């Protein structure tokens, strides 16, 4: 009975060797994951500075979002820095009446600049772009 199946022994041996070699080759040629390339994320921001006109100023860096206005940035800075803010709404837009109890009047007023240029519209209608720099200055109106 053994003689009948003796020819299968070399077949089993060859199959075992072949499987063993295939397994060893698989382990040797396994591919390790390549490192993930570093992606530099550009952070868009708005920088807002309040210049009190007496040598004191406060600066706040805000995250930019689509359609943020100068007024939005000022309100957020007032919240973040615990600054008192008084405004009045008119048909042409919102007017900043006072910041930290410094009121706009005939001698001095709160005027804002974006990237160094005086604005030609109200703070609530001036839409900012990424990385803009906003300055609120308490100055005489002729200084702008």
Foldseek 3Di string as FASTA:
>chain_A
DCVVCVVCVVVVVVVVVVVVVVVVVCVVPDDDDDDDDDDDDDFFWEKEKEAAPPPDIDIDIGGDDFQQFQVNVVVVVCVVVVWDWDWDADPQGIATQDINPPGADQAWGWFKDKQRHTDPGDRNNHGDDTPIYMYTYTGHPVVD
